Protein backbone atom coordinates (compact mmCIF):
# COMPACT_ATOMS: atom_id res chain seq x y z
CA MET A 1 0.00 0.00 0.00
CA ALA A 2 1.47 3.34 -1.09
CA ASN A 3 1.49 6.50 0.97
CA ASN A 4 0.12 9.77 -0.38
CA SER A 5 3.68 11.06 -0.73
CA ASP A 6 4.54 8.16 -3.05
CA VAL A 7 1.78 8.93 -5.55
CA ARG A 8 3.19 9.96 -8.92
CA TYR A 9 1.17 11.65 -11.64
CA LEU A 10 1.75 11.30 -15.36
CA ALA A 11 0.91 14.95 -15.99
CA PRO A 12 1.76 17.79 -13.62
CA ILE A 13 -1.05 19.03 -11.41
CA GLN A 14 -2.47 22.32 -12.66
CA ILE A 15 -2.64 24.87 -9.88
CA ASP A 16 -4.38 28.06 -10.87
CA ILE A 17 -2.48 30.92 -9.29
CA THR A 18 -3.41 33.99 -11.28
CA LYS A 19 -2.28 37.49 -10.59
CA THR A 20 -4.86 40.17 -11.11
CA LYS A 21 -3.96 42.09 -14.23
CA TYR A 22 -4.35 45.83 -14.24
CA CYS A 23 -3.71 48.60 -16.69
CA ARG A 24 -0.65 50.50 -15.48
CA PHE A 25 -1.74 53.57 -17.43
CA LYS A 26 -5.15 53.78 -15.73
CA LYS A 27 -3.61 53.09 -12.32
CA ALA A 28 -0.99 55.83 -12.72
CA GLY A 29 -3.39 58.24 -14.42
CA ILE A 30 -1.32 58.54 -17.60
CA LYS A 31 -3.29 60.13 -20.43
CA HIS A 32 -0.60 60.33 -23.12
CA VAL A 33 2.07 57.76 -24.00
CA ASP A 34 5.24 59.65 -24.88
CA TYR A 35 7.19 58.17 -27.79
CA LYS A 36 10.35 60.05 -26.72
CA ASN A 37 10.63 58.15 -23.42
CA ALA A 38 12.62 55.14 -24.61
CA THR A 39 13.25 53.66 -21.16
CA PHE A 40 9.51 53.41 -20.47
CA LEU A 41 8.76 51.93 -23.89
CA LEU A 42 11.49 49.30 -23.44
CA GLY A 43 9.43 47.85 -20.60
CA LEU A 44 6.67 47.09 -23.09
CA LEU A 45 8.97 45.29 -25.56
CA ASN A 46 10.52 41.82 -25.43
CA GLU A 47 14.16 40.91 -26.09
CA GLN A 48 13.71 40.90 -29.85
CA GLY A 49 12.08 44.34 -29.86
CA LYS A 50 8.51 43.13 -30.41
CA ILE A 51 5.58 44.80 -28.65
CA LEU A 52 4.25 42.65 -25.82
CA PRO A 53 0.57 41.68 -26.16
CA ARG A 54 -2.22 42.81 -23.88
CA ARG A 55 -2.70 39.37 -22.39
CA LEU A 56 0.81 39.53 -20.92
CA THR A 57 0.99 43.16 -19.85
CA GLY A 58 -2.62 43.69 -18.76
CA THR A 59 -2.85 46.96 -20.66
CA SER A 60 -6.33 48.04 -21.75
CA ALA A 61 -7.18 48.15 -25.46
CA LYS A 62 -7.23 51.95 -25.57
CA TYR A 63 -3.72 52.29 -24.17
CA GLN A 64 -2.38 49.30 -26.11
CA ARG A 65 -3.19 51.18 -29.33
CA LYS A 66 -1.43 54.27 -27.97
CA VAL A 67 1.59 52.17 -27.00
CA ALA A 68 1.73 50.63 -30.47
CA THR A 69 1.72 54.02 -32.19
CA ALA A 70 4.30 55.40 -29.73
CA VAL A 71 6.64 52.44 -30.34
CA LYS A 72 6.23 52.76 -34.10
CA ARG A 73 7.00 56.49 -33.96
CA ALA A 74 10.06 55.87 -31.79
CA ARG A 75 11.28 53.23 -34.23
CA HIS A 76 10.78 55.59 -37.15
CA LEU A 77 12.88 58.28 -35.43
CA ALA A 78 15.56 55.70 -34.50
CA ILE A 79 14.94 56.05 -30.76
CA LEU A 80 14.09 52.33 -30.62
CA PRO A 81 15.43 49.63 -32.93
CA TYR A 82 13.14 47.71 -35.26
CA VAL A 83 14.93 44.41 -34.63
CA ALA A 84 17.39 43.69 -31.84
CA ASP A 85 19.41 40.81 -30.47
CA GLN A 86 19.05 40.68 -26.69
CA LEU A 87 17.65 44.18 -26.27
CA LYS A 88 17.43 44.00 -22.49
């Protein structure tokens, strides 16, 4: 007879620990996303320079559109790179 500690599962047990997502722009009261602030925009990009999706950042749809246009403007003015190897 096996103890409970000896029980082995074929698949890992799914434990749902979810953090509550929030829009950092609404929480901080930011109305305008500045394309000239490269350090702030780098927090919304991954290592390759791609814009992180809403499902990962928790940003609302309104501000995600503003972030996308700000990043594209910063890329156009060479403040941010289009493609990068290990940006962070």
